[in-house]
N, C-alpha and C. Protein backbone atom coordinates (compact mmCIF):
# COMPACT_ATOMS: atom_id res chain seq x y z
N MET A 1 63.42 -33.07 -55.11
CA MET A 1 64.70 -32.89 -55.47
C MET A 1 64.87 -32.21 -53.80
N LYS A 2 66.01 -32.55 -53.35
CA LYS A 2 66.38 -32.14 -52.42
C LYS A 2 66.93 -30.51 -52.44
N LEU A 3 67.48 -30.60 -51.32
CA LEU A 3 67.49 -29.08 -51.00
C LEU A 3 69.36 -29.10 -51.62
N SER A 4 70.04 -29.82 -51.54
CA SER A 4 71.45 -29.79 -51.78
C SER A 4 71.39 -29.77 -53.30
N GLU A 5 70.62 -30.24 -53.75
CA GLU A 5 70.34 -30.40 -55.41
C GLU A 5 70.17 -29.12 -55.89
N VAL A 6 69.30 -28.59 -55.21
CA VAL A 6 68.68 -27.02 -55.44
C VAL A 6 69.66 -26.08 -55.44
N LYS A 7 70.39 -26.46 -54.35
CA LYS A 7 71.78 -25.07 -54.23
C LYS A 7 72.64 -25.18 -55.37
N ASN A 8 73.04 -26.64 -55.78
CA ASN A 8 74.12 -27.14 -56.95
C ASN A 8 73.35 -26.22 -58.06
N ASN A 9 72.14 -26.41 -58.38
CA ASN A 9 72.02 -25.85 -59.62
C ASN A 9 71.79 -24.64 -59.61
N LEU A 10 71.43 -23.93 -58.79
CA LEU A 10 71.47 -22.40 -58.51
C LEU A 10 72.80 -22.07 -58.61
N ARG A 11 73.87 -22.43 -58.18
CA ARG A 11 75.17 -22.20 -58.22
C ARG A 11 75.51 -21.96 -59.75
N GLN A 12 74.96 -22.56 -60.72
CA GLN A 12 75.22 -22.96 -62.23
C GLN A 12 74.45 -22.04 -62.90
N LEU A 13 73.60 -21.07 -62.91
CA LEU A 13 72.69 -20.13 -63.33
C LEU A 13 72.57 -18.80 -62.96
N GLU A 14 72.13 -18.49 -64.15
CA GLU A 14 72.69 -17.04 -64.26
C GLU A 14 71.33 -16.33 -63.98
N LYS A 15 69.96 -16.81 -64.13
CA LYS A 15 68.71 -16.40 -63.78
C LYS A 15 68.26 -17.69 -63.18
N ILE A 16 66.88 -17.41 -62.56
CA ILE A 16 66.30 -18.59 -62.13
C ILE A 16 64.63 -18.61 -62.68
N ALA A 17 64.19 -19.74 -62.98
CA ALA A 17 62.81 -19.90 -63.80
C ALA A 17 62.64 -21.44 -63.20
N PHE A 18 60.88 -21.19 -62.80
CA PHE A 18 60.00 -22.11 -61.77
C PHE A 18 59.08 -22.37 -63.35
N GLN A 19 58.80 -23.68 -64.15
CA GLN A 19 58.21 -24.00 -65.14
C GLN A 19 56.72 -24.91 -64.17
N LEU A 20 55.82 -24.21 -64.72
CA LEU A 20 54.37 -25.22 -64.45
C LEU A 20 54.05 -26.62 -64.85
N PRO A 21 53.57 -27.30 -64.12
CA PRO A 21 53.13 -29.09 -65.07
C PRO A 21 52.60 -28.64 -66.30
N ASN A 22 51.88 -27.59 -66.38
CA ASN A 22 51.29 -27.21 -67.81
C ASN A 22 52.43 -26.96 -68.76
N GLY A 23 53.89 -26.51 -68.51
CA GLY A 23 54.52 -25.68 -69.32
C GLY A 23 54.89 -24.38 -69.28
N GLU A 24 53.93 -23.78 -68.87
CA GLU A 24 53.74 -22.38 -68.56
C GLU A 24 54.92 -22.04 -67.37
N LEU A 25 55.63 -20.77 -68.01
CA LEU A 25 56.55 -20.22 -66.88
C LEU A 25 55.75 -19.46 -65.87
N VAL A 26 56.27 -19.81 -64.17
CA VAL A 26 55.72 -18.95 -63.56
C VAL A 26 56.56 -17.59 -63.76
N PRO A 27 55.86 -16.44 -63.79
CA PRO A 27 56.29 -15.10 -64.24
C PRO A 27 57.37 -14.57 -63.63
N ASN A 28 58.62 -14.33 -64.27
CA ASN A 28 59.97 -13.97 -63.60
C ASN A 28 60.21 -12.69 -63.00
N HIS A 29 58.99 -12.12 -62.52
CA HIS A 29 59.06 -11.39 -61.35
C HIS A 29 58.44 -11.80 -60.11
N PHE A 30 58.52 -13.39 -60.16
CA PHE A 30 58.46 -13.77 -59.08
C PHE A 30 59.24 -13.63 -57.58
N HIS A 31 58.43 -13.68 -56.72
CA HIS A 31 59.19 -13.59 -54.93
C HIS A 31 59.14 -15.04 -54.50
N VAL A 32 60.37 -15.46 -53.57
CA VAL A 32 59.92 -16.15 -52.61
C VAL A 32 60.21 -15.73 -51.57
N THR A 33 58.71 -15.98 -51.01
CA THR A 33 58.16 -15.18 -49.84
C THR A 33 58.56 -16.11 -48.39
N GLU A 34 58.41 -17.37 -48.71
CA GLU A 34 59.30 -18.44 -47.44
C GLU A 34 60.00 -19.35 -47.68
N VAL A 35 60.82 -19.19 -46.97
CA VAL A 35 61.56 -20.86 -47.10
C VAL A 35 61.41 -21.27 -45.84
N GLY A 36 61.14 -22.92 -45.53
CA GLY A 36 60.58 -23.30 -44.42
C GLY A 36 60.82 -24.65 -44.17
N LYS A 37 60.46 -25.02 -43.13
CA LYS A 37 60.80 -26.75 -42.71
C LYS A 37 59.07 -26.72 -42.24
N ILE A 38 58.36 -28.15 -43.12
CA ILE A 38 57.35 -28.20 -42.55
C ILE A 38 56.95 -29.78 -42.35
N THR A 39 56.68 -29.81 -41.09
CA THR A 39 56.85 -31.35 -39.85
C THR A 39 55.07 -31.92 -40.27
N LYS A 40 55.33 -32.95 -40.50
CA LYS A 40 53.84 -33.64 -40.71
C LYS A 40 53.60 -34.81 -39.90
N ASN A 41 52.95 -34.92 -38.70
CA ASN A 41 52.68 -36.02 -38.16
C ASN A 41 51.54 -36.56 -38.23
N PHE A 42 51.15 -37.70 -38.26
CA PHE A 42 49.86 -38.09 -38.44
C PHE A 42 49.66 -39.44 -38.17
N ILE A 43 48.40 -40.09 -38.42
CA ILE A 43 48.20 -41.56 -38.31
C ILE A 43 47.43 -41.65 -39.79
N ASP A 44 48.00 -42.87 -40.62
CA ASP A 44 47.15 -43.31 -41.65
C ASP A 44 46.01 -43.82 -41.36
N CYS A 45 45.37 -44.78 -42.57
CA CYS A 45 43.93 -45.11 -41.94
C CYS A 45 44.05 -46.43 -41.52
N GLY A 46 45.68 -47.02 -41.43
CA GLY A 46 45.78 -48.25 -41.25
C GLY A 46 46.44 -48.22 -39.66
N GLY A 47 46.31 -46.67 -38.96
CA GLY A 47 47.10 -46.90 -37.58
C GLY A 47 48.18 -46.55 -37.39
N THR A 48 49.15 -46.57 -38.45
CA THR A 48 50.35 -46.15 -38.38
C THR A 48 50.72 -44.65 -38.58
N VAL A 49 51.53 -44.51 -36.93
CA VAL A 49 51.80 -42.73 -36.82
C VAL A 49 53.27 -42.94 -38.11
N ARG A 50 52.85 -41.67 -38.87
CA ARG A 50 54.02 -41.37 -39.55
C ARG A 50 54.43 -40.34 -39.25
N ASN A 51 55.57 -39.69 -39.70
CA ASN A 51 56.35 -38.37 -39.63
C ASN A 51 56.92 -38.00 -41.03
N GLU A 52 56.71 -36.82 -41.50
CA GLU A 52 57.07 -36.49 -42.51
C GLU A 52 57.70 -35.10 -42.35
N GLU A 53 58.90 -35.02 -42.81
CA GLU A 53 59.31 -33.59 -43.21
C GLU A 53 59.78 -33.07 -44.48
N VAL A 54 59.62 -31.83 -45.05
CA VAL A 54 59.98 -31.33 -46.33
C VAL A 54 60.43 -30.05 -46.02
N ALA A 55 61.45 -29.31 -46.92
CA ALA A 55 61.80 -28.43 -46.97
C ALA A 55 60.87 -27.32 -47.88
N ASN A 56 60.23 -26.21 -47.76
CA ASN A 56 59.36 -25.63 -48.20
C ASN A 56 59.67 -24.55 -48.86
N PHE A 57 59.36 -23.89 -50.57
CA PHE A 57 59.44 -23.04 -51.11
C PHE A 57 58.16 -22.37 -51.25
N GLN A 58 57.82 -21.26 -51.29
CA GLN A 58 56.45 -20.57 -51.46
C GLN A 58 56.62 -19.37 -52.66
N LEU A 59 56.31 -19.88 -53.68
CA LEU A 59 56.38 -18.44 -54.36
C LEU A 59 55.30 -17.65 -54.65
N TRP A 60 55.73 -16.12 -54.71
CA TRP A 60 54.40 -15.28 -54.97
C TRP A 60 54.58 -14.54 -56.08
N ASN A 61 53.75 -13.83 -56.88
CA ASN A 61 53.56 -12.82 -57.53
C ASN A 61 52.97 -11.41 -56.87
N ALA A 62 53.51 -10.32 -57.41
CA ALA A 62 53.02 -9.17 -57.13
C ALA A 62 53.07 -8.29 -58.22
N ASN A 63 52.75 -6.69 -58.23
CA ASN A 63 52.51 -6.05 -59.06
C ASN A 63 54.19 -5.45 -59.48
N ASP A 64 55.01 -5.82 -59.01
CA ASP A 64 56.36 -5.18 -59.21
C ASP A 64 57.34 -6.16 -60.26
N TYR A 65 57.12 -5.67 -61.81
CA TYR A 65 57.41 -6.40 -62.52
C TYR A 65 58.81 -6.08 -62.60
N ASP A 66 59.63 -5.14 -62.26
CA ASP A 66 60.79 -4.94 -62.44
C ASP A 66 61.67 -5.90 -61.24
N HIS A 67 60.75 -6.72 -60.37
CA HIS A 67 61.86 -7.66 -59.40
C HIS A 67 62.28 -8.64 -60.31
N ARG A 68 63.41 -9.28 -60.03
CA ARG A 68 63.95 -10.23 -60.27
C ARG A 68 65.01 -10.97 -59.01
N LEU A 69 64.46 -11.90 -59.02
CA LEU A 69 65.14 -12.93 -57.87
C LEU A 69 66.22 -13.65 -58.60
N HIS A 70 67.82 -13.34 -58.54
CA HIS A 70 68.80 -14.00 -59.02
C HIS A 70 69.34 -14.98 -58.13
N PRO A 71 69.90 -15.71 -58.37
CA PRO A 71 70.29 -17.41 -57.95
C PRO A 71 70.87 -17.06 -56.35
N GLU A 72 72.26 -15.78 -56.59
CA GLU A 72 72.89 -15.70 -55.66
C GLU A 72 72.27 -15.45 -54.28
N LYS A 73 71.06 -14.51 -54.84
CA LYS A 73 70.01 -13.90 -53.63
C LYS A 73 69.18 -15.43 -53.02
N LEU A 74 68.68 -16.19 -53.75
CA LEU A 74 68.03 -17.20 -53.28
C LEU A 74 68.81 -18.14 -52.32
N LEU A 75 70.33 -18.37 -52.54
CA LEU A 75 71.42 -19.28 -52.20
C LEU A 75 71.44 -18.29 -50.95
N ASP A 76 71.43 -17.09 -51.00
CA ASP A 76 71.47 -16.09 -49.36
C ASP A 76 70.38 -16.79 -48.78
N ILE A 77 69.11 -16.65 -49.12
CA ILE A 77 68.10 -16.89 -48.25
C ILE A 77 67.94 -18.52 -47.70
N ILE A 78 68.51 -19.57 -48.38
CA ILE A 78 68.37 -21.01 -48.52
C ILE A 78 69.60 -20.89 -47.40
N ASP A 79 70.52 -20.65 -47.48
CA ASP A 79 71.88 -20.87 -46.27
C ASP A 79 71.48 -20.08 -45.35
N LEU A 80 70.70 -18.82 -44.99
CA LEU A 80 70.27 -18.48 -43.98
C LEU A 80 68.94 -19.09 -43.08
N SER A 81 67.83 -20.01 -43.61
CA SER A 81 66.92 -20.86 -43.49
C SER A 81 67.87 -21.94 -43.30
N GLU A 82 68.55 -23.11 -43.54
CA GLU A 82 69.25 -23.84 -43.04
C GLU A 82 70.00 -23.53 -41.58
N LYS A 83 70.63 -22.70 -41.49
CA LYS A 83 71.28 -21.98 -40.11
C LYS A 83 69.80 -21.94 -38.92
N ILE A 84 69.11 -20.86 -39.51
CA ILE A 84 67.83 -20.70 -38.55
C ILE A 84 67.10 -21.82 -37.92
N LEU A 85 66.87 -22.35 -39.27
CA LEU A 85 65.99 -23.48 -38.87
C LEU A 85 66.19 -24.69 -38.95
N LYS A 86 67.51 -24.92 -38.86
CA LYS A 86 68.24 -26.13 -38.95
C LYS A 86 67.69 -26.96 -39.67
N LEU A 87 67.62 -26.52 -41.08
CA LEU A 87 67.13 -27.80 -42.02
C LEU A 87 68.11 -28.48 -42.33
N ASP A 88 67.50 -29.82 -42.87
CA ASP A 88 68.50 -30.92 -43.18
C ASP A 88 68.39 -31.05 -44.51
N ASP A 89 68.98 -31.85 -45.04
CA ASP A 89 68.90 -32.01 -46.84
C ASP A 89 67.78 -32.52 -47.05
N LEU A 90 66.44 -31.80 -46.70
CA LEU A 90 65.36 -32.77 -47.49
C LEU A 90 64.99 -32.21 -48.60
N GLU A 91 63.52 -33.48 -48.73
CA GLU A 91 63.17 -32.91 -50.15
C GLU A 91 62.43 -31.89 -50.18
N ILE A 92 62.13 -31.01 -51.63
CA ILE A 92 61.66 -29.90 -51.35
C ILE A 92 59.94 -29.83 -52.14
N GLU A 93 59.77 -29.12 -51.37
CA GLU A 93 58.00 -28.80 -51.99
C GLU A 93 57.74 -27.47 -52.16
N VAL A 94 57.29 -27.51 -53.25
CA VAL A 94 57.02 -25.64 -53.60
C VAL A 94 55.49 -25.21 -53.66
N GLU A 95 55.00 -24.43 -52.73
CA GLU A 95 53.74 -24.06 -52.69
C GLU A 95 53.58 -22.72 -53.94
N TYR A 96 52.58 -22.63 -54.76
CA TYR A 96 52.14 -21.65 -56.13
C TYR A 96 50.96 -21.52 -55.81
N GLN A 97 50.69 -20.18 -56.00
CA GLN A 97 49.46 -19.78 -56.08
C GLN A 97 48.69 -19.93 -57.55
N GLY A 98 47.18 -21.22 -57.12
CA GLY A 98 46.78 -20.75 -58.89
C GLY A 98 45.20 -20.66 -58.54
N ASP A 99 44.53 -21.35 -58.88
CA ASP A 99 42.73 -21.23 -58.38
C ASP A 99 43.00 -21.26 -56.64
N THR A 100 43.81 -21.92 -56.05
CA THR A 100 44.20 -22.29 -54.80
C THR A 100 45.50 -22.52 -54.68
N ILE A 101 46.10 -22.67 -53.17
CA ILE A 101 47.22 -22.86 -53.28
C ILE A 101 47.70 -24.57 -53.81
N GLY A 102 48.80 -24.45 -54.98
CA GLY A 102 48.81 -25.70 -55.04
C GLY A 102 50.02 -25.93 -54.69
N LYS A 103 50.41 -27.66 -54.19
CA LYS A 103 51.78 -27.95 -53.68
C LYS A 103 52.00 -28.76 -54.91
N PHE A 104 53.54 -28.56 -55.06
CA PHE A 104 54.34 -29.02 -56.25
C PHE A 104 55.80 -30.04 -55.73
N GLY A 105 55.83 -30.93 -56.64
CA GLY A 105 57.34 -31.44 -55.99
C GLY A 105 58.50 -30.51 -57.33
N LEU A 106 59.68 -30.83 -57.18
CA LEU A 106 60.51 -29.92 -57.75
C LEU A 106 61.33 -30.94 -58.63
N ASP A 107 61.88 -30.85 -59.70
CA ASP A 107 62.91 -30.94 -60.64
C ASP A 107 63.68 -30.32 -61.10
N PHE A 108 64.41 -30.65 -62.06
CA PHE A 108 65.48 -29.36 -63.09
C PHE A 108 65.72 -30.15 -64.11
N ASP A 109 65.63 -29.41 -65.24
CA ASP A 109 65.85 -29.99 -66.71
C ASP A 109 67.12 -29.18 -67.63
N GLY A 110 67.89 -28.57 -66.44
CA GLY A 110 69.11 -27.93 -66.76
C GLY A 110 69.17 -26.44 -66.95
N THR A 111 68.10 -26.10 -67.43
CA THR A 111 67.51 -24.65 -67.66
C THR A 111 66.65 -23.94 -66.36
N ASN A 112 65.40 -25.04 -66.65
CA ASN A 112 64.35 -24.45 -65.55
C ASN A 112 64.05 -25.50 -64.51
N PHE A 113 63.77 -24.80 -63.29
CA PHE A 113 63.01 -25.67 -62.17
C PHE A 113 61.89 -26.03 -62.60
N LEU A 114 61.41 -27.48 -62.64
CA LEU A 114 59.99 -28.06 -63.15
C LEU A 114 59.30 -28.02 -61.53
N LEU A 115 58.37 -27.50 -61.78
CA LEU A 115 56.88 -27.84 -60.69
C LEU A 115 56.35 -28.92 -60.85
N THR A 116 56.42 -29.90 -60.12
CA THR A 116 55.82 -31.20 -60.59
C THR A 116 54.72 -31.86 -59.99
N SER A 117 53.66 -32.30 -60.73
CA SER A 117 52.31 -32.53 -59.99
C SER A 117 52.60 -33.81 -58.76
N LYS A 118 52.08 -33.20 -57.65
CA LYS A 118 52.08 -34.35 -56.50
C LYS A 118 50.61 -35.13 -56.41
N GLN A 119 50.57 -36.19 -56.09
CA GLN A 119 49.22 -36.80 -56.01
C GLN A 119 49.01 -37.38 -54.53
N THR A 120 47.91 -37.90 -54.57
CA THR A 120 47.36 -38.51 -52.99
C THR A 120 47.45 -39.91 -52.80
N ASP A 121 47.99 -40.43 -52.11
CA ASP A 121 47.66 -42.12 -52.21
C ASP A 121 47.54 -42.27 -50.97
N CYS A 122 46.92 -43.72 -50.62
CA CYS A 122 46.46 -44.76 -49.24
C CYS A 122 47.95 -45.35 -48.97
N LEU A 123 48.32 -44.87 -47.62
CA LEU A 123 49.62 -45.66 -47.39
C LEU A 123 49.17 -46.80 -46.53
N ALA A 124 48.28 -47.09 -46.36
CA ALA A 124 48.04 -48.79 -45.71
C ALA A 124 46.84 -49.41 -46.72
N LYS A 125 47.23 -49.50 -47.55
CA LYS A 125 46.12 -50.21 -48.54
C LYS A 125 45.91 -51.58 -48.26
N GLU A 126 47.15 -52.41 -47.40
CA GLU A 126 47.25 -53.74 -47.16
C GLU A 126 45.59 -53.80 -46.16
N SER A 127 45.85 -52.90 -45.18
CA SER A 127 44.70 -52.43 -43.93
C SER A 127 43.32 -51.94 -44.45
N CYS A 128 43.14 -51.34 -45.46
CA CYS A 128 41.91 -51.05 -45.76
C CYS A 128 41.29 -51.74 -46.75
N GLY A 129 41.65 -52.81 -47.32
CA GLY A 129 41.12 -53.81 -48.11
C GLY A 129 41.06 -53.31 -49.40
N ILE A 130 41.81 -52.63 -49.98
CA ILE A 130 41.92 -52.13 -51.14
C ILE A 130 42.52 -53.16 -52.36
N PRO A 131 42.06 -53.46 -53.10
CA PRO A 131 42.66 -54.78 -54.08
C PRO A 131 43.75 -54.32 -55.02
N GLU A 132 44.53 -55.14 -54.84
CA GLU A 132 45.73 -54.89 -55.71
C GLU A 132 45.39 -54.38 -56.77
N GLU A 133 45.84 -53.61 -57.56
CA GLU A 133 45.49 -53.34 -59.21
C GLU A 133 46.08 -54.32 -59.95
N LYS A 134 45.35 -55.21 -61.04
CA LYS A 134 45.89 -56.12 -61.69
C LYS A 134 46.30 -55.56 -62.96
N PRO A 135 47.79 -56.10 -63.27
CA PRO A 135 48.41 -55.47 -64.50
C PRO A 135 47.78 -55.54 -65.74
N LYS A 136 47.34 -54.75 -66.80
CA LYS A 136 46.57 -54.54 -67.87
C LYS A 136 47.58 -55.16 -68.69
N LEU A 137 46.99 -56.21 -69.78
CA LEU A 137 47.84 -56.55 -70.84
C LEU A 137 47.01 -56.46 -72.01
N LYS A 138 47.84 -56.40 -73.09
CA LYS A 138 47.40 -55.92 -74.56
C LYS A 138 46.87 -57.12 -75.29
N MET A 139 46.44 -57.62 -75.66
CA MET A 139 45.97 -59.08 -76.55
C MET A 139 46.94 -59.55 -77.63
N ALA A 140 47.64 -57.96 -77.80
CA ALA A 140 48.85 -58.18 -79.03
C ALA A 140 49.98 -58.97 -77.94
N ASP A 141 50.23 -58.71 -76.81
CA ASP A 141 51.50 -59.25 -76.31
C ASP A 141 50.98 -60.98 -75.68
N ILE A 142 49.88 -61.32 -75.59
CA ILE A 142 49.79 -62.36 -75.33
C ILE A 142 50.22 -63.16 -76.76
N ALA A 143 51.28 -64.47 -76.09
CA ALA A 143 51.78 -65.49 -76.98
C ALA A 143 50.63 -66.14 -77.86
N THR A 144 51.44 -66.33 -78.70
CA THR A 144 50.39 -67.36 -80.04
C THR A 144 51.03 -68.22 -80.51
N GLY A 145 50.14 -68.97 -81.35
CA GLY A 145 50.65 -70.44 -81.50
C GLY A 145 50.61 -71.41 -80.85
N THR A 146 51.22 -72.31 -80.14
CA THR A 146 50.82 -73.70 -79.81
C THR A 146 50.59 -73.34 -78.02
N SER A 147 50.65 -72.59 -77.64
CA SER A 147 50.15 -72.06 -76.44
C SER A 147 48.92 -72.28 -76.02
N CYS A 148 47.84 -72.17 -76.97
CA CYS A 148 46.27 -72.57 -76.86
C CYS A 148 45.90 -73.15 -77.86
N THR A 149 45.99 -74.26 -78.18
CA THR A 149 45.47 -75.14 -79.06
C THR A 149 44.32 -75.96 -78.64
N PRO A 150 42.99 -76.14 -79.69
CA PRO A 150 42.08 -76.84 -79.46
C PRO A 150 42.36 -78.29 -78.66
N GLY A 151 41.83 -78.66 -77.34
CA GLY A 151 42.41 -79.88 -77.19
C GLY A 151 43.48 -79.98 -76.21
N GLY A 152 43.98 -78.44 -75.98
CA GLY A 152 45.24 -78.35 -75.31
C GLY A 152 45.31 -78.00 -73.56
N ASN A 153 43.93 -77.59 -73.30
CA ASN A 153 43.19 -77.63 -72.24
C ASN A 153 43.61 -76.00 -71.37
N CYS A 154 43.94 -75.27 -72.19
CA CYS A 154 43.78 -74.21 -71.51
C CYS A 154 42.91 -72.90 -71.52
N CYS A 155 41.62 -73.83 -72.26
CA CYS A 155 40.80 -72.69 -72.22
C CYS A 155 39.61 -73.15 -71.22
């Protein structure tokens, strides 16, 4: 989800809720302790130089159970971040503390912001010698009939 989409969704909400991939909600007394721009410059295993930028939200819980971040306040924080950090309309990455700091993508279901699981991947599979994964077929999906008959040279 891009920053502009987050802002548009916030304008339609009376309250903010973030839902973890397992369906649990982030406690509603969370804070957004950071809005930032993360730039990652790296070389993949195939030797290609790559640059990635994301906007980052860091969610944090404290013992202040009466705290509630309202959509207007988060919009103000985002607007200030856009001006000061010169944020473009970047994809959002959300950090949230579990057993360790988790990094999540972001989606929206009309009510809640959904923290989506992220996966690592090799960006240079053709250079690493990793074989392309063959599609798996179900035996029930294979055509039957005259396509393979005795003497038909298909086996």
